[in-house]
Amino acid sequence: DGQAHWELEEADIVLVGVSRTSKSPTCVYLAYKGYKAANIPWVLGCPLPPSLETLKRPLIVGLTISVDRLQQIRKTRLQSLKQEEDTNYVDMEQMQAEIAESRKLYSKHRWPVIDVTKRSVEETAATIIQYLKKHQEKIGINTGHAHHG
């Protein structure tokens, strides 16, 4: 979670998204499939690592989700953590702002966006892998290397 032990430039894929857009499970699944995946949580009002804007090799993908689904997931998360109905984390307006701002960021950088609202981790990963192949062709990476998971 933003704590990759290798540099982001070495990644195949970097996922960006607000909290609870299934970045971590998607990264784990991609890693299982043999890809180096990193994820960067996007938090309203917190700048992203500057290195993100200069990455050449990795495919950067923005994950988004419907506000209703996000609220559902976050409420479940808070209950599992035994937290009180917490502040901004499940506030509708706050979540709408997070999603709107993250989407602005994605389009500013022309990052592909995947809406994970109705997708399983496997479906999201499959779409990311398709994008990755196109991205690697575009930047001229030989995709002939075998991925053994």
N, C-alpha and C. Protein backbone atom coordinates (compact mmCIF):
# COMPACT_ATOMS: atom_id res chain seq x y z
N ASP A 1 0.83 -1.20 0.00
CA ASP A 1 0.00 0.00 0.00
C ASP A 1 0.86 1.24 0.00
N GLY A 2 1.32 1.61 -1.16
CA GLY A 2 2.22 2.74 -1.24
C GLY A 2 3.55 2.44 -0.59
N GLN A 3 3.73 1.22 -0.07
CA GLN A 3 4.96 0.87 0.64
C GLN A 3 5.75 -0.19 -0.11
N ALA A 4 5.76 -0.09 -1.43
CA ALA A 4 6.49 -1.10 -2.21
C ALA A 4 7.95 -1.07 -1.82
N HIS A 5 8.56 -2.25 -1.73
CA HIS A 5 9.97 -2.30 -1.34
C HIS A 5 10.87 -2.10 -2.55
N TRP A 6 10.27 -1.95 -3.73
CA TRP A 6 11.06 -1.62 -4.92
C TRP A 6 10.52 -0.33 -5.48
N GLU A 7 11.31 0.31 -6.33
CA GLU A 7 10.89 1.58 -6.91
C GLU A 7 9.68 1.39 -7.82
N LEU A 8 8.81 2.39 -7.83
CA LEU A 8 7.62 2.31 -8.68
C LEU A 8 7.96 2.11 -10.15
N GLU A 9 9.10 2.67 -10.58
CA GLU A 9 9.48 2.55 -11.99
C GLU A 9 9.68 1.08 -12.39
N GLU A 10 9.96 0.22 -11.42
CA GLU A 10 10.16 -1.20 -11.74
C GLU A 10 8.85 -1.95 -11.85
N ALA A 11 7.76 -1.32 -11.44
CA ALA A 11 6.47 -2.01 -11.45
C ALA A 11 5.98 -2.20 -12.88
N ASP A 12 5.15 -3.23 -13.07
CA ASP A 12 4.43 -3.37 -14.34
C ASP A 12 3.18 -2.49 -14.30
N ILE A 13 2.56 -2.46 -13.12
CA ILE A 13 1.26 -1.81 -12.95
C ILE A 13 1.25 -1.03 -11.64
N VAL A 14 0.70 0.18 -11.69
CA VAL A 14 0.49 0.96 -10.47
C VAL A 14 -0.99 1.33 -10.42
N LEU A 15 -1.66 0.92 -9.36
CA LEU A 15 -3.08 1.23 -9.19
C LEU A 15 -3.23 2.43 -8.27
N VAL A 16 -4.12 3.35 -8.65
CA VAL A 16 -4.40 4.52 -7.84
C VAL A 16 -5.90 4.53 -7.58
N GLY A 17 -6.29 4.83 -6.35
CA GLY A 17 -7.72 4.89 -6.07
C GLY A 17 -7.98 5.31 -4.64
N VAL A 18 -9.22 5.76 -4.38
CA VAL A 18 -9.58 6.13 -3.01
C VAL A 18 -9.64 4.86 -2.16
N SER A 19 -9.72 5.04 -0.86
CA SER A 19 -9.74 3.91 0.07
C SER A 19 -10.93 3.00 -0.21
N ARG A 20 -10.67 1.68 -0.23
CA ARG A 20 -11.70 0.65 -0.43
C ARG A 20 -12.16 0.52 -1.88
N THR A 21 -11.26 0.73 -2.83
CA THR A 21 -11.60 0.45 -4.23
C THR A 21 -10.93 -0.86 -4.67
N SER A 22 -10.66 -1.72 -3.73
CA SER A 22 -10.04 -3.05 -3.94
C SER A 22 -8.67 -3.00 -4.61
N LYS A 23 -7.88 -1.96 -4.28
CA LYS A 23 -6.51 -1.87 -4.81
C LYS A 23 -5.65 -3.02 -4.32
N SER A 24 -5.65 -3.26 -2.99
CA SER A 24 -4.76 -4.29 -2.43
C SER A 24 -5.09 -5.70 -2.94
N PRO A 25 -6.36 -6.14 -2.86
CA PRO A 25 -6.65 -7.48 -3.37
C PRO A 25 -6.34 -7.61 -4.87
N THR A 26 -6.55 -6.53 -5.62
CA THR A 26 -6.24 -6.58 -7.05
C THR A 26 -4.74 -6.72 -7.27
N CYS A 27 -3.95 -5.99 -6.47
CA CYS A 27 -2.48 -6.12 -6.54
C CYS A 27 -2.03 -7.53 -6.19
N VAL A 28 -2.61 -8.10 -5.15
CA VAL A 28 -2.24 -9.45 -4.73
C VAL A 28 -2.56 -10.43 -5.85
N TYR A 29 -3.73 -10.27 -6.46
CA TYR A 29 -4.13 -11.16 -7.55
C TYR A 29 -3.19 -11.01 -8.75
N LEU A 30 -2.85 -9.77 -9.09
CA LEU A 30 -1.92 -9.52 -10.21
C LEU A 30 -0.55 -10.12 -9.92
N ALA A 31 -0.11 -10.02 -8.67
CA ALA A 31 1.19 -10.59 -8.27
C ALA A 31 1.15 -12.10 -8.42
N TYR A 32 0.04 -12.68 -8.01
CA TYR A 32 -0.15 -14.12 -8.15
C TYR A 32 -0.06 -14.53 -9.62
N LYS A 33 -0.52 -13.63 -10.50
CA LYS A 33 -0.46 -13.89 -11.94
C LYS A 33 0.93 -13.59 -12.53
N GLY A 34 1.85 -13.11 -11.69
CA GLY A 34 3.22 -12.89 -12.14
C GLY A 34 3.58 -11.47 -12.50
N TYR A 35 2.70 -10.51 -12.16
CA TYR A 35 2.98 -9.10 -12.47
C TYR A 35 3.46 -8.39 -11.21
N LYS A 36 4.32 -7.39 -11.40
CA LYS A 36 4.73 -6.54 -10.28
C LYS A 36 3.73 -5.40 -10.19
N ALA A 37 2.92 -5.43 -9.16
CA ALA A 37 1.88 -4.41 -9.04
C ALA A 37 2.05 -3.64 -7.74
N ALA A 38 1.87 -2.33 -7.83
CA ALA A 38 1.95 -1.47 -6.65
C ALA A 38 0.63 -0.73 -6.54
N ASN A 39 0.30 -0.25 -5.36
CA ASN A 39 -0.89 0.58 -5.28
C ASN A 39 -0.65 1.80 -4.43
N ILE A 40 -1.30 2.87 -4.86
CA ILE A 40 -1.13 4.15 -4.19
C ILE A 40 -2.51 4.64 -3.77
N PRO A 41 -2.73 4.73 -2.48
CA PRO A 41 -4.03 5.23 -2.01
C PRO A 41 -4.13 6.72 -2.34
N TRP A 42 -5.27 7.13 -2.89
CA TRP A 42 -5.48 8.54 -3.18
C TRP A 42 -6.35 9.11 -2.07
N VAL A 43 -5.84 10.13 -1.38
CA VAL A 43 -6.56 10.73 -0.26
C VAL A 43 -6.79 12.20 -0.56
N LEU A 44 -8.04 12.63 -0.41
CA LEU A 44 -8.43 14.02 -0.68
C LEU A 44 -7.51 14.97 0.09
N GLY A 45 -6.91 15.91 -0.65
CA GLY A 45 -6.07 16.90 0.01
C GLY A 45 -4.64 16.46 0.26
N CYS A 46 -4.31 15.21 -0.06
CA CYS A 46 -2.92 14.75 0.11
C CYS A 46 -2.28 14.56 -1.25
N PRO A 47 -1.14 15.20 -1.49
CA PRO A 47 -0.50 15.05 -2.79
C PRO A 47 -0.03 13.62 -3.02
N LEU A 48 -0.10 13.18 -4.26
CA LEU A 48 0.44 11.88 -4.62
C LEU A 48 1.95 11.97 -4.69
N PRO A 49 2.67 10.84 -4.60
CA PRO A 49 4.12 10.91 -4.75
C PRO A 49 4.49 11.54 -6.09
N PRO A 50 5.38 12.54 -6.09
CA PRO A 50 5.73 13.23 -7.33
C PRO A 50 6.26 12.27 -8.40
N SER A 51 6.89 11.20 -7.98
CA SER A 51 7.46 10.25 -8.95
C SER A 51 6.38 9.64 -9.85
N LEU A 52 5.14 9.63 -9.35
CA LEU A 52 4.04 9.04 -10.11
C LEU A 52 3.88 9.70 -11.48
N GLU A 53 4.09 11.02 -11.51
CA GLU A 53 3.85 11.76 -12.75
C GLU A 53 4.94 11.53 -13.79
N THR A 54 6.07 10.99 -13.36
CA THR A 54 7.18 10.84 -14.30
C THR A 54 7.42 9.39 -14.71
N LEU A 55 6.60 8.48 -14.20
CA LEU A 55 6.80 7.07 -14.52
C LEU A 55 6.60 6.81 -16.01
N LYS A 56 7.48 6.01 -16.58
CA LYS A 56 7.38 5.70 -18.01
C LYS A 56 6.97 4.25 -18.22
N ARG A 57 7.60 3.34 -17.49
CA ARG A 57 7.42 1.92 -17.76
C ARG A 57 6.07 1.37 -17.28
N PRO A 58 5.68 1.66 -16.03
CA PRO A 58 4.45 1.02 -15.55
C PRO A 58 3.20 1.58 -16.20
N LEU A 59 2.20 0.73 -16.26
CA LEU A 59 0.86 1.18 -16.61
C LEU A 59 0.24 1.70 -15.32
N ILE A 60 -0.26 2.93 -15.35
CA ILE A 60 -0.95 3.48 -14.18
C ILE A 60 -2.44 3.41 -14.46
N VAL A 61 -3.19 2.84 -13.55
CA VAL A 61 -4.63 2.69 -13.73
C VAL A 61 -5.35 3.33 -12.55
N GLY A 62 -6.37 4.13 -12.85
CA GLY A 62 -7.20 4.72 -11.81
C GLY A 62 -8.40 3.83 -11.56
N LEU A 63 -8.65 3.52 -10.29
CA LEU A 63 -9.83 2.74 -9.94
C LEU A 63 -10.89 3.67 -9.37
N THR A 64 -12.13 3.45 -9.79
CA THR A 64 -13.23 4.25 -9.26
C THR A 64 -14.38 3.32 -8.92
N ILE A 65 -15.41 3.89 -8.27
CA ILE A 65 -16.50 3.06 -7.73
C ILE A 65 -17.70 3.97 -7.52
N SER A 66 -18.90 3.40 -7.50
CA SER A 66 -20.07 4.24 -7.21
C SER A 66 -20.06 4.62 -5.73
N VAL A 67 -20.61 5.78 -5.43
CA VAL A 67 -20.62 6.27 -4.05
C VAL A 67 -21.41 5.32 -3.15
N ASP A 68 -22.54 4.81 -3.66
CA ASP A 68 -23.37 3.91 -2.83
C ASP A 68 -22.60 2.66 -2.44
N ARG A 69 -21.93 2.08 -3.43
CA ARG A 69 -21.17 0.86 -3.17
C ARG A 69 -20.01 1.16 -2.22
N LEU A 70 -19.35 2.30 -2.43
CA LEU A 70 -18.23 2.68 -1.57
C LEU A 70 -18.69 2.82 -0.13
N GLN A 71 -19.84 3.46 0.05
CA GLN A 71 -20.34 3.65 1.42
C GLN A 71 -20.64 2.30 2.08
N GLN A 72 -21.24 1.41 1.31
CA GLN A 72 -21.56 0.06 1.79
C GLN A 72 -20.28 -0.65 2.26
N ILE A 73 -19.25 -0.62 1.40
CA ILE A 73 -17.99 -1.31 1.72
C ILE A 73 -17.33 -0.69 2.95
N ARG A 74 -17.31 0.64 2.98
CA ARG A 74 -16.65 1.32 4.10
C ARG A 74 -17.38 1.11 5.41
N LYS A 75 -18.72 1.08 5.36
CA LYS A 75 -19.48 0.82 6.60
C LYS A 75 -19.15 -0.57 7.13
N THR A 76 -19.12 -1.54 6.24
CA THR A 76 -18.76 -2.91 6.62
C THR A 76 -17.37 -2.93 7.22
N ARG A 77 -16.45 -2.20 6.59
CA ARG A 77 -15.07 -2.11 7.06
C ARG A 77 -15.03 -1.55 8.49
N LEU A 78 -15.77 -0.46 8.71
CA LEU A 78 -15.77 0.15 10.05
C LEU A 78 -16.35 -0.80 11.08
N GLN A 79 -17.43 -1.52 10.71
CA GLN A 79 -18.03 -2.48 11.64
C GLN A 79 -17.02 -3.57 11.98
N SER A 80 -16.28 -4.03 10.97
CA SER A 80 -15.31 -5.09 11.23
C SER A 80 -14.18 -4.59 12.11
N LEU A 81 -13.91 -3.30 12.05
CA LEU A 81 -12.87 -2.72 12.91
C LEU A 81 -13.46 -2.28 14.25
N LYS A 82 -14.78 -2.48 14.41
CA LYS A 82 -15.50 -2.06 15.62
C LYS A 82 -15.35 -0.56 15.88
N GLN A 83 -15.36 0.21 14.79
CA GLN A 83 -15.29 1.66 14.94
C GLN A 83 -16.70 2.23 15.01
N GLU A 84 -16.81 3.34 15.68
CA GLU A 84 -18.09 4.04 15.68
C GLU A 84 -18.33 4.56 14.26
N GLU A 85 -19.59 4.87 13.95
CA GLU A 85 -19.89 5.47 12.65
C GLU A 85 -18.94 6.66 12.46
N ASP A 86 -17.91 6.43 11.74
CA ASP A 86 -16.79 7.35 11.73
C ASP A 86 -17.00 8.50 10.76
N THR A 87 -16.91 9.70 11.28
CA THR A 87 -16.65 10.95 10.62
C THR A 87 -16.84 10.97 9.10
N ASN A 88 -15.77 11.39 8.42
CA ASN A 88 -15.85 11.61 6.98
C ASN A 88 -15.77 10.35 6.16
N TYR A 89 -15.30 9.29 6.76
CA TYR A 89 -14.99 8.07 6.00
C TYR A 89 -16.21 7.55 5.26
N VAL A 90 -17.40 7.65 5.88
CA VAL A 90 -18.62 7.17 5.23
C VAL A 90 -19.60 8.31 4.94
N ASP A 91 -19.12 9.55 5.00
CA ASP A 91 -19.97 10.70 4.70
C ASP A 91 -20.17 10.80 3.19
N MET A 92 -21.45 10.86 2.78
CA MET A 92 -21.81 10.84 1.37
C MET A 92 -21.10 11.95 0.58
N GLU A 93 -21.18 13.19 1.09
CA GLU A 93 -20.58 14.32 0.35
C GLU A 93 -19.07 14.18 0.26
N GLN A 94 -18.47 13.74 1.37
CA GLN A 94 -17.03 13.53 1.41
C GLN A 94 -16.62 12.49 0.36
N MET A 95 -17.38 11.39 0.30
CA MET A 95 -17.04 10.32 -0.65
C MET A 95 -17.25 10.79 -2.09
N GLN A 96 -18.33 11.56 -2.32
CA GLN A 96 -18.55 12.08 -3.67
C GLN A 96 -17.39 12.97 -4.09
N ALA A 97 -16.91 13.80 -3.16
CA ALA A 97 -15.77 14.67 -3.45
C ALA A 97 -14.52 13.85 -3.75
N GLU A 98 -14.27 12.82 -2.94
CA GLU A 98 -13.11 11.96 -3.16
C GLU A 98 -13.14 11.36 -4.56
N ILE A 99 -14.30 10.80 -4.93
CA ILE A 99 -14.42 10.13 -6.22
C ILE A 99 -14.29 11.14 -7.36
N ALA A 100 -14.96 12.29 -7.22
CA ALA A 100 -14.91 13.31 -8.28
C ALA A 100 -13.48 13.81 -8.48
N GLU A 101 -12.79 14.11 -7.37
CA GLU A 101 -11.42 14.62 -7.48
C GLU A 101 -10.47 13.56 -8.03
N SER A 102 -10.64 12.32 -7.61
CA SER A 102 -9.75 11.27 -8.12
C SER A 102 -9.97 11.11 -9.63
N ARG A 103 -11.21 11.20 -10.07
CA ARG A 103 -11.49 11.08 -11.51
C ARG A 103 -10.89 12.23 -12.31
N LYS A 104 -10.91 13.44 -11.73
CA LYS A 104 -10.28 14.60 -12.38
C LYS A 104 -8.79 14.33 -12.57
N LEU A 105 -8.18 13.79 -11.52
CA LEU A 105 -6.76 13.46 -11.57
C LEU A 105 -6.47 12.45 -12.68
N TYR A 106 -7.28 11.39 -12.75
CA TYR A 106 -7.07 10.35 -13.76
C TYR A 106 -7.16 10.95 -15.17
N SER A 107 -8.16 11.81 -15.38
CA SER A 107 -8.31 12.32 -16.75
C SER A 107 -7.22 13.34 -17.07
N LYS A 108 -6.77 14.10 -16.06
CA LYS A 108 -5.66 15.03 -16.25
C LYS A 108 -4.42 14.29 -16.76
N HIS A 109 -4.18 13.11 -16.22
CA HIS A 109 -2.99 12.33 -16.60
C HIS A 109 -3.27 11.33 -17.72
N ARG A 110 -4.52 11.31 -18.17
CA ARG A 110 -4.95 10.36 -19.21
C ARG A 110 -4.70 8.91 -18.80
N TRP A 111 -4.89 8.61 -17.52
CA TRP A 111 -4.76 7.23 -17.06
C TRP A 111 -6.05 6.49 -17.36
N PRO A 112 -5.97 5.23 -17.80
CA PRO A 112 -7.20 4.47 -17.97
C PRO A 112 -7.90 4.33 -16.62
N VAL A 113 -9.23 4.30 -16.66
CA VAL A 113 -10.02 4.23 -15.44
C VAL A 113 -10.87 2.96 -15.48
N ILE A 114 -10.91 2.24 -14.39
CA ILE A 114 -11.76 1.07 -14.29
C ILE A 114 -12.73 1.28 -13.14
N ASP A 115 -14.01 1.13 -13.44
CA ASP A 115 -15.04 1.23 -12.41
C ASP A 115 -15.22 -0.16 -11.80
N VAL A 116 -14.87 -0.28 -10.53
CA VAL A 116 -14.88 -1.60 -9.88
C VAL A 116 -16.22 -1.91 -9.20
N THR A 117 -17.20 -1.02 -9.38
CA THR A 117 -18.49 -1.17 -8.67
C THR A 117 -19.08 -2.57 -8.80
N LYS A 118 -19.18 -3.05 -10.03
CA LYS A 118 -19.83 -4.34 -10.25
C LYS A 118 -18.85 -5.40 -10.71
N ARG A 119 -17.56 -5.18 -10.45
CA ARG A 119 -16.55 -6.12 -10.92
C ARG A 119 -15.89 -6.87 -9.80
N SER A 120 -15.60 -8.13 -10.07
CA SER A 120 -14.79 -8.90 -9.13
C SER A 120 -13.34 -8.49 -9.32
N VAL A 121 -12.51 -8.81 -8.36
CA VAL A 121 -11.08 -8.56 -8.46
C VAL A 121 -10.52 -9.21 -9.73
N GLU A 122 -10.97 -10.44 -10.01
CA GLU A 122 -10.48 -11.16 -11.19
C GLU A 122 -10.83 -10.42 -12.48
N GLU A 123 -12.06 -9.88 -12.55
CA GLU A 123 -12.48 -9.14 -13.75
C GLU A 123 -11.67 -7.85 -13.90
N THR A 124 -11.48 -7.17 -12.78
CA THR A 124 -10.68 -5.94 -12.80
C THR A 124 -9.26 -6.25 -13.27
N ALA A 125 -8.67 -7.29 -12.72
CA ALA A 125 -7.30 -7.68 -13.09
C ALA A 125 -7.21 -8.05 -14.57
N ALA A 126 -8.20 -8.77 -15.07
CA ALA A 126 -8.18 -9.17 -16.49
C ALA A 126 -8.19 -7.93 -17.39
N THR A 127 -8.98 -6.94 -17.03
CA THR A 127 -9.04 -5.69 -17.81
C THR A 127 -7.70 -4.96 -17.73
N ILE A 128 -7.11 -4.92 -16.53
CA ILE A 128 -5.81 -4.26 -16.34
C ILE A 128 -4.75 -4.94 -17.21
N ILE A 129 -4.76 -6.26 -17.26
CA ILE A 129 -3.77 -7.00 -18.05
C ILE A 129 -3.93 -6.68 -19.55
N GLN A 130 -5.17 -6.53 -20.01
CA GLN A 130 -5.39 -6.12 -21.41
C GLN A 130 -4.81 -4.74 -21.66
N TYR A 131 -5.09 -3.80 -20.74
CA TYR A 131 -4.53 -2.44 -20.86
C TYR A 131 -3.01 -2.48 -20.85
N LEU A 132 -2.45 -3.34 -19.99
CA LEU A 132 -1.00 -3.43 -19.85
C LEU A 132 -0.36 -3.86 -21.17
N LYS A 133 -0.96 -4.84 -21.83
CA LYS A 133 -0.40 -5.32 -23.10
C LYS A 133 -0.36 -4.19 -24.13
N LYS A 134 -1.45 -3.42 -24.21
CA LYS A 134 -1.48 -2.27 -25.14
C LYS A 134 -0.42 -1.25 -24.75
N HIS A 135 -0.33 -0.98 -23.46
CA HIS A 135 0.63 0.01 -22.96
C HIS A 135 2.06 -0.42 -23.29
N GLN A 136 2.37 -1.70 -23.09
CA GLN A 136 3.73 -2.18 -23.34
C GLN A 136 4.06 -2.14 -24.83
N GLU A 137 3.07 -2.42 -25.67
CA GLU A 137 3.30 -2.30 -27.12
C GLU A 137 3.61 -0.85 -27.46
N LYS A 138 2.82 0.07 -26.87
CA LYS A 138 2.97 1.49 -27.16
C LYS A 138 4.35 1.99 -26.77
N ILE A 139 4.85 1.57 -25.59
CA ILE A 139 6.16 2.07 -25.15
C ILE A 139 7.30 1.16 -25.60
N GLY A 140 6.95 0.10 -26.34
CA GLY A 140 7.98 -0.73 -26.95
C GLY A 140 8.65 -1.71 -26.02
N ILE A 141 7.92 -2.19 -25.02
CA ILE A 141 8.47 -3.25 -24.18
C ILE A 141 8.13 -4.57 -24.83
N ASN A 142 9.11 -5.44 -24.95
CA ASN A 142 8.87 -6.76 -25.52
C ASN A 142 8.02 -7.54 -24.53
N THR A 143 6.80 -7.87 -24.93
CA THR A 143 5.92 -8.60 -24.01
C THR A 143 6.09 -10.11 -24.15
N GLY A 144 7.15 -10.52 -24.82
CA GLY A 144 7.38 -11.95 -25.01
C GLY A 144 7.84 -12.66 -23.76
N HIS A 145 8.10 -11.90 -22.67
CA HIS A 145 8.59 -12.61 -21.47
C HIS A 145 7.44 -13.38 -20.82
N ALA A 146 7.77 -14.60 -20.44
CA ALA A 146 6.75 -15.47 -19.87
C ALA A 146 6.45 -15.05 -18.45
N HIS A 147 5.19 -15.03 -18.13
CA HIS A 147 4.77 -14.78 -16.75
C HIS A 147 4.40 -16.10 -16.13
N HIS A 148 5.22 -16.58 -15.23
CA HIS A 148 4.87 -17.79 -14.52
C HIS A 148 4.51 -17.40 -13.11
N GLY A 149 3.28 -17.71 -12.72
CA GLY A 149 2.82 -17.26 -11.41
C GLY A 149 3.03 -18.30 -10.38
